[in-house]
Protein backbone atom coordinates (compact mmCIF):
# COMPACT_ATOMS: atom_id res chain seq x y z
CA MET A 1 32.56 16.46 -40.31
CA ILE A 2 30.93 15.38 -37.01
CA THR A 3 27.16 15.02 -37.00
CA GLU A 4 24.96 17.12 -34.74
CA ARG A 5 23.82 13.98 -32.93
CA ASN A 6 27.36 12.78 -32.25
CA LEU A 7 28.35 16.31 -31.21
CA GLN A 8 25.56 16.44 -28.56
CA ALA A 9 26.54 12.93 -27.35
CA ILE A 10 30.17 14.06 -26.88
CA LYS A 11 29.10 17.24 -24.97
CA GLN A 12 26.95 15.12 -22.75
CA ARG A 13 29.64 12.57 -22.06
CA TYR A 14 32.30 15.18 -21.19
CA GLY A 15 30.02 17.68 -19.41
CA ILE A 16 30.63 20.38 -22.07
CA ILE A 17 27.98 23.14 -22.16
CA GLY A 18 27.47 25.40 -25.00
CA ASN A 19 26.64 25.76 -28.65
CA CYS A 20 28.85 28.53 -30.03
CA ALA A 21 30.44 27.73 -33.40
CA ALA A 22 34.02 28.11 -32.20
CA LEU A 23 33.53 25.53 -29.47
CA ASN A 24 31.70 23.11 -31.95
CA ARG A 25 34.69 23.63 -34.30
CA ALA A 26 37.31 22.69 -31.54
CA LEU A 27 35.28 19.50 -30.76
CA ASP A 28 34.99 18.60 -34.41
CA ILE A 29 38.71 18.90 -34.88
CA ALA A 30 39.37 16.81 -31.80
CA VAL A 31 37.10 13.98 -32.99
CA GLN A 32 38.72 13.94 -36.47
CA VAL A 33 42.29 13.89 -35.20
CA ALA A 34 41.69 11.33 -32.34
CA PRO A 35 42.19 8.16 -34.56
CA THR A 36 45.64 9.46 -35.70
CA ASP A 37 48.86 9.67 -33.75
CA LEU A 38 49.56 13.31 -34.50
CA ALA A 39 50.65 15.67 -31.63
CA VAL A 40 48.00 18.22 -30.72
CA LEU A 41 48.44 21.63 -29.20
CA VAL A 42 45.36 23.10 -27.35
CA GLU A 43 45.47 26.85 -27.06
CA GLY A 44 43.25 29.12 -25.01
CA GLU A 45 43.01 31.31 -21.94
CA ASN A 46 43.01 30.04 -18.37
CA GLY A 47 39.74 28.49 -17.41
CA VAL A 48 38.26 27.93 -20.83
CA GLY A 49 38.08 24.15 -20.43
CA LYS A 50 41.15 23.07 -22.51
CA GLU A 51 41.55 19.85 -20.24
CA SER A 52 38.42 18.27 -21.94
CA ILE A 53 40.02 18.07 -25.26
CA PRO A 54 42.98 15.72 -24.54
CA ARG A 55 40.66 13.34 -22.62
CA LEU A 56 38.21 13.34 -25.52
CA ILE A 57 41.07 12.60 -27.97
CA HIS A 58 42.54 9.78 -25.99
CA ASP A 59 39.09 8.12 -25.42
CA ASN A 60 38.40 8.11 -29.08
CA SER A 61 41.88 6.88 -30.12
CA VAL A 62 43.44 3.42 -30.62
CA ARG A 63 45.22 4.04 -27.30
CA LYS A 64 42.01 4.37 -25.24
CA HIS A 65 42.65 1.16 -23.37
CA LYS A 66 46.14 2.25 -22.38
CA LYS A 67 47.16 4.68 -19.64
CA TYR A 68 46.32 8.45 -19.74
CA PHE A 69 48.24 10.92 -17.63
CA ALA A 70 47.56 14.67 -17.30
CA ILE A 71 50.55 16.74 -16.00
CA ASN A 72 50.53 20.41 -15.05
CA CYS A 73 53.96 21.53 -16.09
CA GLY A 74 53.48 24.85 -14.40
CA SER A 75 52.91 23.30 -11.02
CA ILE A 76 56.06 21.16 -10.85
CA PRO A 77 59.20 22.93 -9.49
CA GLU A 78 61.88 23.51 -12.11
CA GLY A 79 64.43 21.47 -10.18
CA THR A 80 62.30 18.25 -10.32
CA ILE A 81 60.46 18.43 -13.53
CA ASP A 82 63.02 16.37 -15.44
CA SER A 83 62.74 13.69 -12.89
CA GLU A 84 58.94 13.74 -13.05
CA LEU A 85 58.77 13.47 -16.81
CA PHE A 86 61.78 11.21 -17.59
CA GLY A 87 62.54 9.49 -14.21
CA HIS A 88 65.80 9.21 -12.23
CA GLU A 89 68.33 6.77 -11.02
CA LYS A 90 68.95 5.94 -7.36
CA GLY A 91 71.38 8.42 -5.85
CA SER A 92 71.33 10.74 -8.81
CA PHE A 93 70.51 13.68 -6.44
CA THR A 94 69.80 14.23 -2.78
CA GLY A 95 66.64 12.48 -1.78
CA ALA A 96 66.70 9.96 -4.71
CA ILE A 97 66.63 6.89 -2.49
CA ASN A 98 65.15 4.61 -5.21
CA ASP A 99 64.91 4.34 -9.00
CA HIS A 100 61.85 6.31 -10.30
CA GLU A 101 60.08 5.94 -13.57
CA GLY A 102 58.85 9.17 -15.10
CA TYR A 103 55.62 9.79 -16.90
CA PHE A 104 57.01 9.07 -20.37
CA GLU A 105 57.93 5.53 -19.03
CA ALA A 106 54.68 4.97 -17.16
CA ALA A 107 52.52 6.10 -20.04
CA ASN A 108 54.23 3.91 -22.62
CA GLY A 109 51.66 2.94 -25.23
CA GLY A 110 49.13 5.55 -23.98
CA THR A 111 48.69 9.35 -23.95
CA LEU A 112 50.44 12.12 -21.99
CA PHE A 113 48.74 15.45 -21.67
CA LEU A 114 51.17 18.28 -20.85
CA ASP A 115 49.13 21.25 -19.52
CA GLU A 116 50.89 24.67 -19.38
CA VAL A 117 53.63 23.43 -21.70
CA GLY A 118 54.68 26.91 -22.24
CA GLU A 119 55.99 27.05 -18.66
CA LEU A 120 58.63 24.25 -19.31
CA PRO A 121 62.31 25.36 -18.82
CA LEU A 122 64.41 25.53 -21.93
CA SER A 123 66.58 22.62 -20.80
CA THR A 124 63.49 20.45 -20.45
CA GLN A 125 62.17 21.64 -23.88
CA VAL A 126 65.27 20.08 -25.45
CA LYS A 127 64.66 16.63 -23.88
CA LEU A 128 60.92 16.77 -24.79
CA LEU A 129 61.83 17.46 -28.37
CA ARG A 130 64.01 14.32 -28.43
CA VAL A 131 61.12 12.21 -27.18
CA LEU A 132 58.80 13.68 -29.88
CA GLU A 133 61.26 13.14 -32.72
CA ALA A 134 62.84 9.82 -31.75
CA GLY A 135 60.83 8.38 -28.91
CA GLU A 136 63.94 8.41 -26.79
CA TYR A 137 64.78 9.83 -23.34
CA ILE A 138 67.38 9.45 -20.55
CA ARG A 139 66.58 9.28 -16.84
CA VAL A 140 68.21 11.83 -14.60
CA GLY A 141 71.52 10.47 -13.39
CA SER A 142 71.77 7.76 -16.12
CA ASN A 143 73.47 7.39 -19.55
CA GLU A 144 71.06 4.70 -20.75
CA VAL A 145 68.84 5.69 -23.72
CA ARG A 146 65.32 4.40 -23.22
CA LYS A 147 62.48 4.13 -25.71
CA THR A 148 58.84 5.07 -25.25
CA ASP A 149 55.75 5.19 -27.43
CA VAL A 150 53.57 8.00 -26.10
CA ARG A 151 51.20 10.31 -27.87
CA VAL A 152 51.69 13.89 -26.50
CA ILE A 153 48.86 16.36 -26.33
CA ALA A 154 49.86 19.69 -25.00
CA ALA A 155 47.95 22.82 -23.85
CA THR A 156 48.98 26.36 -23.17
CA ASN A 157 47.57 29.74 -22.23
CA VAL A 158 50.74 31.40 -23.45
CA LYS A 159 50.88 33.15 -26.89
CA MET A 160 53.45 30.82 -28.32
CA LYS A 161 54.74 33.04 -31.15
CA LYS A 162 55.41 35.74 -28.68
CA ALA A 163 57.17 33.30 -26.38
CA MET A 164 59.31 32.14 -29.24
CA GLN A 165 60.23 35.73 -30.17
CA GLU A 166 61.21 36.28 -26.55
CA GLY A 167 63.35 33.12 -26.48
CA ARG A 168 61.19 31.43 -23.88
CA PHE A 169 60.05 28.61 -26.09
CA ARG A 170 61.86 26.73 -28.85
CA GLU A 171 60.52 27.12 -32.28
CA ASP A 172 61.37 23.60 -33.36
CA LEU A 173 59.54 22.10 -30.33
CA TYR A 174 56.50 24.38 -31.06
CA TYR A 175 56.13 23.00 -34.69
CA ARG A 176 56.65 19.54 -33.40
CA LEU A 177 53.91 19.79 -30.79
CA ALA A 178 51.49 21.76 -33.11
CA ASN A 179 50.85 19.08 -35.80
CA ILE A 180 47.29 20.00 -35.16
CA THR A 181 46.24 23.15 -33.30
CA ILE A 182 42.85 23.48 -31.49
CA ASN A 183 41.67 26.85 -30.24
CA MET A 184 39.24 26.95 -27.35
CA PRO A 185 37.26 30.18 -27.30
CA ALA A 186 37.19 32.59 -24.32
CA LEU A 187 33.89 32.79 -22.53
CA ARG A 188 33.33 36.46 -23.59
CA ASP A 189 33.40 35.20 -27.16
CA ARG A 190 30.70 32.52 -26.67
CA GLY A 191 27.53 34.65 -26.73
CA ASN A 192 24.55 32.90 -25.10
CA ASP A 193 26.73 30.09 -23.81
CA VAL A 194 27.39 32.26 -20.69
CA GLU A 195 23.71 31.96 -19.66
CA LEU A 196 23.61 28.17 -20.40
CA LEU A 197 26.71 27.77 -18.11
CA PHE A 198 25.27 29.92 -15.39
CA ARG A 199 22.10 27.88 -15.32
CA LYS A 200 24.03 24.54 -15.29
CA PHE A 201 26.19 25.68 -12.39
CA ALA A 202 23.21 27.00 -10.49
CA ALA A 203 21.30 23.73 -10.96
CA ASP A 204 24.35 21.63 -9.86
CA CYS A 205 24.92 23.76 -6.79
CA ALA A 206 21.30 23.74 -5.84
CA GLU A 207 21.15 19.80 -6.14
CA LYS A 208 24.28 19.37 -4.20
CA TYR A 209 23.36 21.63 -1.25
CA HIS A 210 19.51 21.16 -1.45
CA LEU A 211 18.73 24.80 -2.30
CA ASP A 212 16.36 26.49 -4.73
CA PRO A 213 18.35 27.41 -7.84
CA ILE A 214 19.30 30.97 -8.47
CA TYR A 215 18.32 32.63 -11.83
CA LEU A 216 19.12 35.79 -13.65
CA THR A 217 16.94 38.86 -14.13
CA ASP A 218 16.96 40.84 -17.42
CA ASP A 219 19.50 43.31 -16.32
CA GLY A 220 21.53 40.55 -14.69
CA LYS A 221 21.72 38.86 -18.02
CA GLN A 222 22.87 41.91 -19.71
CA LEU A 223 25.76 42.44 -17.31
CA LEU A 224 26.67 38.79 -17.58
CA HIS A 225 27.10 39.19 -21.31
CA ALA A 226 28.90 42.61 -21.11
CA TYR A 227 31.50 41.42 -18.59
CA LYS A 228 34.87 40.24 -20.06
CA TRP A 229 35.34 37.23 -17.85
CA PRO A 230 39.20 37.25 -17.48
CA GLY A 231 38.85 33.93 -15.49
CA ASN A 232 36.47 32.42 -18.05
CA ILE A 233 34.42 29.36 -17.17
CA ARG A 234 36.29 28.78 -13.96
CA GLN A 235 35.43 32.34 -12.75
CA LEU A 236 31.81 31.95 -13.79
CA LYS A 237 31.49 28.70 -11.94
CA ASN A 238 33.02 30.12 -8.75
CA LEU A 239 30.76 33.13 -8.99
CA THR A 240 27.56 31.12 -9.47
CA GLU A 241 28.48 28.85 -6.47
CA GLN A 242 29.12 31.93 -4.28
CA LEU A 243 25.87 33.61 -5.24
CA SER A 244 23.88 30.31 -4.77
CA ILE A 245 25.17 29.99 -1.16
CA LEU A 246 25.29 33.62 -0.14
CA SER A 247 22.62 35.54 -2.05
CA PRO A 248 19.45 36.25 0.09
CA SER A 249 17.37 36.31 -3.10
CA ARG A 250 17.13 33.58 -5.76
CA ALA A 251 16.76 36.30 -8.40
CA ILE A 252 20.24 37.56 -9.43
CA SER A 253 20.12 41.07 -10.69
CA ALA A 254 22.80 43.35 -12.08
CA GLN A 255 23.12 44.91 -8.58
CA SER A 256 23.76 41.35 -7.12
CA LEU A 257 26.51 40.79 -9.71
CA LEU A 258 28.03 44.14 -9.06
CA GLU A 259 28.20 43.43 -5.29
CA ALA A 260 29.83 40.09 -6.16
CA GLY A 261 32.59 41.90 -8.06
CA ILE A 262 31.35 41.72 -11.59
CA THR A 263 32.18 45.25 -12.72
CA LYS A 264 30.69 47.08 -15.73
CA ASP A 265 34.03 48.12 -17.07
CA ASP A 266 36.00 44.96 -16.16
CA GLU A 267 38.66 46.83 -14.26
CA ALA A 268 41.18 44.96 -12.19
CA THR A 269 40.18 44.41 -8.56
CA GLY A 270 43.56 43.82 -6.86
CA ALA A 271 44.97 41.09 -9.06
CA LEU A 272 48.62 41.25 -9.93
CA VAL A 273 48.04 40.58 -13.59
CA VAL A 274 44.74 40.88 -15.54
CA ARG A 275 45.02 39.13 -18.98
CA GLN A 276 42.90 40.96 -21.47
CA ALA A 277 41.50 39.82 -24.80
CA GLY A 278 44.14 39.83 -27.58
CA HIS A 279 46.95 40.38 -25.07
CA SER A 280 49.80 37.76 -24.96
CA HIS A 281 51.04 36.35 -21.72
CA SER A 282 54.60 37.57 -21.51
CA TYR A 283 56.85 38.61 -18.63
CA GLU A 284 57.29 41.87 -20.30
CA ASN A 285 53.58 42.48 -20.20
CA GLU A 286 53.33 41.43 -16.55
CA ARG A 287 56.12 43.84 -15.70
CA ASP A 288 54.35 46.65 -17.54
CA MET A 289 51.05 45.95 -15.71
CA ILE A 290 52.83 45.81 -12.25
CA LEU A 291 54.65 49.08 -13.08
CA GLN A 292 51.33 50.80 -13.94
CA GLN A 293 49.96 49.66 -10.54
CA LEU A 294 53.18 50.85 -8.88
CA LEU A 295 53.01 54.29 -10.46
CA LYS A 296 49.27 54.65 -9.35
CA LEU A 297 50.32 53.70 -5.86
CA ASN A 298 53.07 56.16 -5.80
CA GLU A 299 50.85 58.89 -7.07
CA GLU A 300 48.43 58.18 -4.20
CA LEU A 301 51.30 58.16 -1.67
CA GLN A 302 52.34 61.57 -2.88
CA ARG A 303 48.80 62.82 -2.49
CA LEU A 304 48.77 61.44 0.99
CA LYS A 305 52.05 63.03 1.81
CA ALA A 306 50.73 66.36 0.73
CA GLN A 307 47.76 66.06 2.94
CA VAL A 308 49.89 65.14 5.87
CA ALA A 309 51.98 68.35 5.22
CA GLN A 310 48.74 70.34 5.44
CA GLY A 311 47.91 68.79 8.77
CA ASP A 312 45.14 66.36 7.71
CA ASN A 313 45.83 63.41 10.14
CA GLN A 314 42.85 61.29 9.25
CA LEU A 315 43.22 60.12 5.69
CA HIS A 316 40.77 58.06 3.61
CA LEU A 317 42.36 55.46 1.43
CA PRO A 318 40.64 54.78 -1.90
CA ALA A 319 39.51 51.28 -2.83
CA GLU A 320 42.17 50.80 -5.56
CA SER A 321 44.96 51.39 -2.98
CA SER A 322 43.57 49.38 -0.14
CA SER A 323 44.59 45.95 -1.37
CA ALA A 324 48.22 47.18 -1.80
CA LEU A 325 48.37 48.61 1.67
CA GLU A 326 46.94 45.51 3.68
CA HIS A 327 43.38 46.35 2.79
CA GLY A 328 43.34 49.29 5.32
CA GLN A 329 40.43 51.74 4.99
CA TYR A 330 42.02 54.47 7.04
CA ILE A 331 45.48 55.43 8.29
CA THR A 332 46.53 57.80 10.94
CA ALA A 333 49.53 59.76 9.87
CA GLU A 334 51.93 61.88 11.94
CA PRO A 335 53.94 64.69 10.32
CA LEU A 336 57.20 63.42 9.05
CA LEU A 337 60.29 64.68 10.79
CA GLU A 338 62.73 66.38 8.41
CA GLU A 339 65.44 63.78 9.02
CA GLU A 340 63.10 60.86 8.51
CA ARG A 341 63.11 59.08 5.17
CA GLU A 342 60.47 56.86 3.46
CA GLU A 343 61.25 53.41 2.72
CA PRO A 344 61.34 53.04 -1.03
CA ILE A 345 58.46 51.11 -2.67
CA THR A 346 60.05 48.77 -5.30
CA LEU A 347 58.62 46.69 -8.01
CA LYS A 348 59.82 43.63 -6.17
CA SER A 349 58.18 44.62 -2.85
CA LEU A 350 54.88 45.28 -4.53
CA THR A 351 55.03 41.94 -6.39
CA ASP A 352 55.86 40.18 -3.07
CA GLN A 353 53.01 41.87 -1.24
CA ASN A 354 50.55 40.99 -3.97
CA ILE A 355 51.61 37.41 -4.00
CA LEU A 356 51.51 37.07 -0.14
CA SER A 357 48.10 38.81 -0.18
CA ALA A 358 46.77 36.27 -2.71
CA LEU A 359 48.19 33.24 -0.82
CA LYS A 360 46.53 34.60 2.39
CA ARG A 361 43.14 35.06 0.65
CA ASN A 362 43.38 31.47 -0.69
CA ASN A 363 44.56 29.85 2.57
CA ASN A 364 47.99 29.27 1.17
CA ASN A 365 46.63 27.35 -1.82
CA ARG A 366 49.28 27.92 -4.54
CA LYS A 367 47.17 26.90 -7.40
CA LYS A 368 44.19 29.14 -6.47
CA ALA A 369 46.50 32.04 -5.79
CA ALA A 370 48.21 31.64 -9.15
CA GLU A 371 44.81 31.49 -10.91
CA GLU A 372 43.73 34.75 -9.17
CA LEU A 373 46.94 36.56 -10.06
CA GLY A 374 47.09 35.16 -13.70
CA ILE A 375 50.59 33.70 -13.30
CA SER A 376 51.96 30.21 -13.19
CA GLU A 377 52.02 28.06 -10.09
CA ARG A 378 55.75 27.66 -10.56
CA THR A 379 56.11 31.48 -10.04
CA ILE A 380 54.22 31.21 -6.79
CA TYR A 381 56.49 28.32 -5.80
CA ARG A 382 59.67 30.31 -6.56
CA LYS A 383 58.45 33.27 -4.55
CA ILE A 384 57.62 31.15 -1.57
CA LYS A 385 61.01 29.56 -1.75
CA GLU A 386 62.75 33.03 -2.14
CA LEU A 387 60.90 34.44 0.85
CA GLY A 388 61.71 31.35 3.03
CA LEU A 389 58.03 30.47 3.43
CA ASP A 390 58.76 26.80 2.56
CA LYS A 391 60.53 26.09 5.79
């Protein structure tokens, strides 16, 4: 069991803020498992700070003087991920002009952190299992079996049992990765830590930009605690920085938070997928959520159509529909001719529009758009390629 003094020293070293029991338990397990060579799986939602655990483990292990690599599996295109992880031979595919060592070769003797491991293709999962079981891998385009000694620490925001049931993740690989499982708590479950983090981010922003730090009023604190924080610590940090720069008052009230998008009931505000507490991340759930939004949009269109039929040419579009229809506040409608037909609104077109809108809002930054929508960066990449926007 880690002592309180050592625990505080670790938090200070890695910039970890908070005192909730679940967070302390996660750090305690990480310190205890660090001297071993066991594989570790870090589970938790997006934005909870999972990336601090692998670094902590590596720095306190016998491999601390060897190389450490962190790879986001969800951000690497499916067609190149085998090459990135295991390397390739010259001429093995178009563009392979030289031999290339993968991460498992480069990290030999050290630690490899595989973030978003739940996004790995099934074919790559088979090869990863072989590395974990036998320390062997084969470069793309080669028949030579190579050896490596790498400790693997993985992280995921996917509910792995659900993914295994759906056939998206191999059960044997899961149990090989999860020798030890560390659960990072969501921000909504961390009690007073949300205030500590707010003060820390406010102080950092004030120091960086030479501003007076913002602070919370009593009703602001209440709303901060009541909010569900689907984006967790990352969302809180972005909000605090935004308020630090844009708020005319240094006192942040509940009204200030509401104006910044922190809703009392935590409803979705245009995101394609909102991950809720206790809900697994599955493609089935994502489809259900999109379909719900599609049904709402169709209901609204039917209402608008009825108003058009009654001769109401100036139509107000509610907030929940504005993001789906290019953020328009008003539309001017002409009565439909009998022979005219509406273009059908499909699930695919709605999904494409949400993704394109998210990319536009984030200046074509795939990572930020994926975080906003609650999907993997690889999904964004596939959609960009499908729509021909990569040319």
